Amino acid sequence: MIYLPSNKKEGIIFGLFMCFGMVCIMTLYNTALHGFSSVTPGSMAIQFLITFSVAFFAESLVGTAARKAALSLPYDKTKESNIIVAIAFCMVPVMVLIMSGYGLILTSIMAGVKGNLFKAYLKLVGLNFLVALPSQLLIVGPISRRLLKKYIKPLEKKTELNM
């Protein structure tokens, strides 16, 4: 059985897990794309904290709408795996658009962008989407759900113990 958040508290904790994992993967990926030569551990830590904050804020804005959109699509909702894939396909593209814009701004400030800014954005969106969707579906999502199931007890089990 796949475990999904069942209340607001679990949703926030799950969002923190997801953001942490995705920011780790995407930060390493984008740093590799632009080169590790100018990165120090201190600058990487600061960049991670800022990026994590931006990503969590964006996720909190996008998450509810993505879940509503995913649940409105016509598919078999009796399988939790279908729901997970639908939410990912509704959430990841929007997050990639937002975070690629953020990344382009960050790159412009730190290293400058050569050529057409719009073309650079489109290229970044494409490259990020190719890594973000599989990372979310195959790595970060499953790990986040396992962590949520292991460390955050479902609400139903808590109420059963109180009876």
C-alpha atoms as a PDB file:
ATOM      1  CA  MET A   1       0.000   0.000   0.000  1.00  0.00           C
ATOM      2  CA  ILE A   2       1.264   3.444  -0.943  1.00  0.00           C
ATOM      3  CA  TYR A   3       0.950   6.055   1.780  1.00  0.00           C
ATOM      4  CA  LEU A   4      -0.357   9.528   0.922  1.00  0.00           C
ATOM      5  CA  PRO A   5      -0.741  12.480   3.323  1.00  0.00           C
ATOM      6  CA  SER A   6      -4.198  12.426   4.898  1.00  0.00           C
ATOM      7  CA  ASN A   7      -4.322  15.793   6.674  1.00  0.00           C
ATOM      8  CA  LYS A   8      -2.796  19.270   6.546  1.00  0.00           C
ATOM      9  CA  LYS A   9       0.024  18.477   8.991  1.00  0.00           C
ATOM     10  CA  GLU A  10       1.057  15.397   7.008  1.00  0.00           C
ATOM     11  CA  GLY A  11       0.770  17.412   3.798  1.00  0.00           C
ATOM     12  CA  ILE A  12       3.167  20.063   5.104  1.00  0.00           C
ATOM     13  CA  ILE A  13       5.650  17.475   6.345  1.00  0.00           C
ATOM     14  CA  PHE A  14       5.418  15.566   3.062  1.00  0.00           C
ATOM     15  CA  GLY A  15       5.952  18.850   1.178  1.00  0.00           C
ATOM     16  CA  LEU A  16       9.091  19.520   3.228  1.00  0.00           C
ATOM     17  CA  PHE A  17      10.430  16.037   2.455  1.00  0.00           C
ATOM     18  CA  MET A  18       9.638  16.441  -1.252  1.00  0.00           C
ATOM     19  CA  CYS A  19      11.167  19.925  -1.478  1.00  0.00           C
ATOM     20  CA  PHE A  20      14.306  18.828   0.342  1.00  0.00           C
ATOM     21  CA  GLY A  21      14.843  15.883  -1.993  1.00  0.00           C
ATOM     22  CA  MET A  22      14.000  17.720  -5.192  1.00  0.00           C
ATOM     23  CA  VAL A  23      16.127  20.749  -4.290  1.00  0.00           C
ATOM     24  CA  CYS A  24      19.077  18.438  -3.516  1.00  0.00           C
ATOM     25  CA  ILE A  25      18.803  16.630  -6.842  1.00  0.00           C
ATOM     26  CA  MET A  26      18.037  19.685  -8.978  1.00  0.00           C
ATOM     27  CA  THR A  27      20.738  21.818  -7.314  1.00  0.00           C
ATOM     28  CA  LEU A  28      23.374  19.171  -7.969  1.00  0.00           C
ATOM     29  CA  TYR A  29      22.112  18.688 -11.524  1.00  0.00           C
ATOM     30  CA  ASN A  30      22.074  22.395 -12.374  1.00  0.00           C
ATOM     31  CA  THR A  31      25.436  22.966 -10.704  1.00  0.00           C
ATOM     32  CA  ALA A  32      26.843  20.141 -12.833  1.00  0.00           C
ATOM     33  CA  LEU A  33      25.365  21.781 -15.941  1.00  0.00           C
ATOM     34  CA  HIS A  34      27.062  25.097 -15.147  1.00  0.00           C
ATOM     35  CA  GLY A  35      30.250  23.672 -13.639  1.00  0.00           C
ATOM     36  CA  PHE A  36      31.416  23.019 -10.112  1.00  0.00           C
ATOM     37  CA  SER A  37      34.535  25.192 -10.451  1.00  0.00           C
ATOM     38  CA  SER A  38      33.159  28.347  -8.820  1.00  0.00           C
ATOM     39  CA  VAL A  39      31.129  26.580  -6.099  1.00  0.00           C
ATOM     40  CA  THR A  40      32.299  26.557  -2.492  1.00  0.00           C
ATOM     41  CA  PRO A  41      30.633  24.561   0.289  1.00  0.00           C
ATOM     42  CA  GLY A  42      29.485  27.816   1.915  1.00  0.00           C
ATOM     43  CA  SER A  43      27.964  29.229  -1.256  1.00  0.00           C
ATOM     44  CA  MET A  44      26.322  25.854  -1.960  1.00  0.00           C
ATOM     45  CA  ALA A  45      24.753  25.819   1.527  1.00  0.00           C
ATOM     46  CA  ILE A  46      23.422  29.370   1.177  1.00  0.00           C
ATOM     47  CA  GLN A  47      22.143  28.647  -2.328  1.00  0.00           C
ATOM     48  CA  PHE A  48      20.450  25.471  -1.037  1.00  0.00           C
ATOM     49  CA  LEU A  49      18.699  27.281   1.836  1.00  0.00           C
ATOM     50  CA  ILE A  50      17.411  30.063  -0.392  1.00  0.00           C
ATOM     51  CA  THR A  51      16.360  27.639  -3.128  1.00  0.00           C
ATOM     52  CA  PHE A  52      14.645  25.379  -0.586  1.00  0.00           C
ATOM     53  CA  SER A  53      12.678  28.351   0.771  1.00  0.00           C
ATOM     54  CA  VAL A  54      11.624  29.452  -2.718  1.00  0.00           C
ATOM     55  CA  ALA A  55      10.696  25.883  -3.713  1.00  0.00           C
ATOM     56  CA  PHE A  56       8.658  25.266  -0.554  1.00  0.00           C
ATOM     57  CA  PHE A  57       6.797  28.550  -1.018  1.00  0.00           C
ATOM     58  CA  ALA A  58       6.116  27.709  -4.686  1.00  0.00           C
ATOM     59  CA  GLU A  59       5.029  24.172  -3.751  1.00  0.00           C
ATOM     60  CA  SER A  60       2.595  25.522  -1.180  1.00  0.00           C
ATOM     61  CA  LEU A  61       1.042  27.754  -3.852  1.00  0.00           C
ATOM     62  CA  VAL A  62       0.988  25.139  -6.620  1.00  0.00           C
ATOM     63  CA  GLY A  63       0.280  21.995  -4.582  1.00  0.00           C
ATOM     64  CA  THR A  64      -3.417  22.444  -3.858  1.00  0.00           C
ATOM     65  CA  ALA A  65      -4.266  23.432  -7.418  1.00  0.00           C
ATOM     66  CA  ALA A  66      -2.210  20.540  -8.809  1.00  0.00           C
ATOM     67  CA  ARG A  67      -3.977  18.036  -6.554  1.00  0.00           C
ATOM     68  CA  LYS A  68      -7.394  19.419  -7.518  1.00  0.00           C
ATOM     69  CA  ALA A  69      -6.486  19.293 -11.209  1.00  0.00           C
ATOM     70  CA  ALA A  70      -5.111  15.756 -10.877  1.00  0.00           C
ATOM     71  CA  LEU A  71      -8.228  14.523  -9.089  1.00  0.00           C
ATOM     72  CA  SER A  72     -10.474  16.061 -11.757  1.00  0.00           C
ATOM     73  CA  LEU A  73      -8.832  14.060 -14.556  1.00  0.00           C
ATOM     74  CA  PRO A  74     -10.568  10.921 -15.860  1.00  0.00           C
ATOM     75  CA  TYR A  75      -8.640   7.852 -14.645  1.00  0.00           C
ATOM     76  CA  ASP A  76      -9.067   4.982 -12.177  1.00  0.00           C
ATOM     77  CA  LYS A  77      -8.808   6.692  -8.783  1.00  0.00           C
ATOM     78  CA  THR A  78      -9.117   3.435  -6.854  1.00  0.00           C
ATOM     79  CA  LYS A  79      -5.360   2.863  -7.371  1.00  0.00           C
ATOM     80  CA  GLU A  80      -3.164   5.176  -5.300  1.00  0.00           C
ATOM     81  CA  SER A  81      -0.342   4.813  -7.823  1.00  0.00           C
ATOM     82  CA  ASN A  82      -2.576   6.416 -10.493  1.00  0.00           C
ATOM     83  CA  ILE A  83      -3.263   9.345  -8.171  1.00  0.00           C
ATOM     84  CA  ILE A  84       0.469   9.794  -7.496  1.00  0.00           C
ATOM     85  CA  VAL A  85       1.320   9.834 -11.207  1.00  0.00           C
ATOM     86  CA  ALA A  86      -1.543  12.249 -11.977  1.00  0.00           C
ATOM     87  CA  ILE A  87      -0.441  14.652  -9.240  1.00  0.00           C
ATOM     88  CA  ALA A  88       3.172  14.478 -10.466  1.00  0.00           C
ATOM     89  CA  PHE A  89       2.124  15.244 -14.045  1.00  0.00           C
ATOM     90  CA  CYS A  90       0.109  18.234 -12.814  1.00  0.00           C
ATOM     91  CA  MET A  91       2.682  19.506 -10.327  1.00  0.00           C
ATOM     92  CA  VAL A  92       6.110  18.935 -11.870  1.00  0.00           C
ATOM     93  CA  PRO A  93       5.635  21.024 -15.062  1.00  0.00           C
ATOM     94  CA  VAL A  94       4.431  24.056 -13.091  1.00  0.00           C
ATOM     95  CA  MET A  95       7.223  23.706 -10.526  1.00  0.00           C
ATOM     96  CA  VAL A  96       9.775  23.345 -13.337  1.00  0.00           C
ATOM     97  CA  LEU A  97       8.499  26.561 -14.961  1.00  0.00           C
ATOM     98  CA  ILE A  98       8.709  28.454 -11.659  1.00  0.00           C
ATOM     99  CA  MET A  99      12.008  27.047 -10.433  1.00  0.00           C
ATOM    100  CA  SER A 100      13.666  27.373 -13.861  1.00  0.00           C
ATOM    101  CA  GLY A 101      12.770  31.068 -13.778  1.00  0.00           C
ATOM    102  CA  TYR A 102      14.264  31.304 -10.310  1.00  0.00           C
ATOM    103  CA  GLY A 103      17.358  29.393 -11.469  1.00  0.00           C
ATOM    104  CA  LEU A 104      17.809  31.649 -14.473  1.00  0.00           C
ATOM    105  CA  ILE A 105      17.595  34.728 -12.251  1.00  0.00           C
ATOM    106  CA  LEU A 106      20.135  33.191  -9.863  1.00  0.00           C
ATOM    107  CA  THR A 107      22.460  32.275 -12.750  1.00  0.00           C
ATOM    108  CA  SER A 108      22.133  35.787 -14.224  1.00  0.00           C
ATOM    109  CA  ILE A 109      23.131  37.337 -10.912  1.00  0.00           C
ATOM    110  CA  MET A 110      26.004  34.952 -10.189  1.00  0.00           C
ATOM    111  CA  ALA A 111      27.502  34.301 -13.629  1.00  0.00           C
ATOM    112  CA  GLY A 112      25.526  36.189 -16.228  1.00  0.00           C
ATOM    113  CA  VAL A 113      23.559  34.743 -19.124  1.00  0.00           C
ATOM    114  CA  LYS A 114      24.924  34.873 -22.648  1.00  0.00           C
ATOM    115  CA  GLY A 115      22.529  35.286 -25.548  1.00  0.00           C
ATOM    116  CA  ASN A 116      18.757  35.446 -25.622  1.00  0.00           C
ATOM    117  CA  LEU A 117      17.206  35.197 -22.139  1.00  0.00           C
ATOM    118  CA  PHE A 118      13.978  33.607 -23.411  1.00  0.00           C
ATOM    119  CA  LYS A 119      15.886  30.901 -25.311  1.00  0.00           C
ATOM    120  CA  ALA A 120      17.999  30.248 -22.230  1.00  0.00           C
ATOM    121  CA  TYR A 121      14.805  29.890 -20.166  1.00  0.00           C
ATOM    122  CA  LEU A 122      13.210  27.450 -22.628  1.00  0.00           C
ATOM    123  CA  LYS A 123      16.391  25.375 -22.753  1.00  0.00           C
ATOM    124  CA  LEU A 124      16.568  25.325 -18.952  1.00  0.00           C
ATOM    125  CA  VAL A 125      12.903  24.308 -18.660  1.00  0.00           C
ATOM    126  CA  GLY A 126      13.448  21.395 -21.045  1.00  0.00           C
ATOM    127  CA  LEU A 127      16.611  20.211 -19.334  1.00  0.00           C
ATOM    128  CA  ASN A 128      15.075  20.519 -15.863  1.00  0.00           C
ATOM    129  CA  PHE A 129      11.861  18.713 -16.821  1.00  0.00           C
ATOM    130  CA  LEU A 130      13.856  15.739 -18.136  1.00  0.00           C
ATOM    131  CA  VAL A 131      15.400  15.277 -14.684  1.00  0.00           C
ATOM    132  CA  ALA A 132      12.608  16.546 -12.402  1.00  0.00           C
ATOM    133  CA  LEU A 133       9.796  14.215 -13.471  1.00  0.00           C
ATOM    134  CA  PRO A 134      11.715  10.928 -13.200  1.00  0.00           C
ATOM    135  CA  SER A 135      13.385  12.131  -9.976  1.00  0.00           C
ATOM    136  CA  GLN A 136      10.013  12.936  -8.457  1.00  0.00           C
ATOM    137  CA  LEU A 137       8.333   9.701  -9.566  1.00  0.00           C
ATOM    138  CA  LEU A 138      11.202   7.249  -9.005  1.00  0.00           C
ATOM    139  CA  ILE A 139      13.364   8.664  -6.204  1.00  0.00           C
ATOM    140  CA  VAL A 140      12.051  11.569  -4.134  1.00  0.00           C
ATOM    141  CA  GLY A 141       8.356  10.653  -4.081  1.00  0.00           C
ATOM    142  CA  PRO A 142       8.849   7.048  -2.925  1.00  0.00           C
ATOM    143  CA  ILE A 143      11.439   8.048  -0.310  1.00  0.00           C
ATOM    144  CA  SER A 144       9.225  10.880   0.975  1.00  0.00           C
ATOM    145  CA  ARG A 145       6.208   8.569   1.247  1.00  0.00           C
ATOM    146  CA  ARG A 146       8.302   5.973   3.123  1.00  0.00           C
ATOM    147  CA  LEU A 147       9.595   8.618   5.527  1.00  0.00           C
ATOM    148  CA  LEU A 148       6.081   9.935   6.077  1.00  0.00           C
ATOM    149  CA  LYS A 149       4.729   6.459   6.727  1.00  0.00           C
ATOM    150  CA  LYS A 150       7.598   5.543   9.055  1.00  0.00           C
ATOM    151  CA  TYR A 151       7.857   8.728  11.134  1.00  0.00           C
ATOM    152  CA  ILE A 152       4.429  10.366  10.922  1.00  0.00           C
ATOM    153  CA  LYS A 153       1.748   7.984  12.100  1.00  0.00           C
ATOM    154  CA  PRO A 154      -1.535   8.062  10.186  1.00  0.00           C
ATOM    155  CA  LEU A 155      -4.326   9.958  11.929  1.00  0.00           C
ATOM    156  CA  GLU A 156      -6.564   6.864  12.012  1.00  0.00           C
ATOM    157  CA  LYS A 157      -4.049   4.878  14.085  1.00  0.00           C
ATOM    158  CA  LYS A 158      -3.749   7.701  16.621  1.00  0.00           C
ATOM    159  CA  THR A 159      -7.509   7.852  17.160  1.00  0.00           C
ATOM    160  CA  GLU A 160      -7.703   4.051  17.531  1.00  0.00           C
ATOM    161  CA  LEU A 161      -5.169   4.194  20.374  1.00  0.00           C
ATOM    162  CA  ASN A 162      -7.193   6.837  22.215  1.00  0.00           C
ATOM    163  CA  MET A 163     -10.348   4.684  22.342  1.00  0.00           C
END
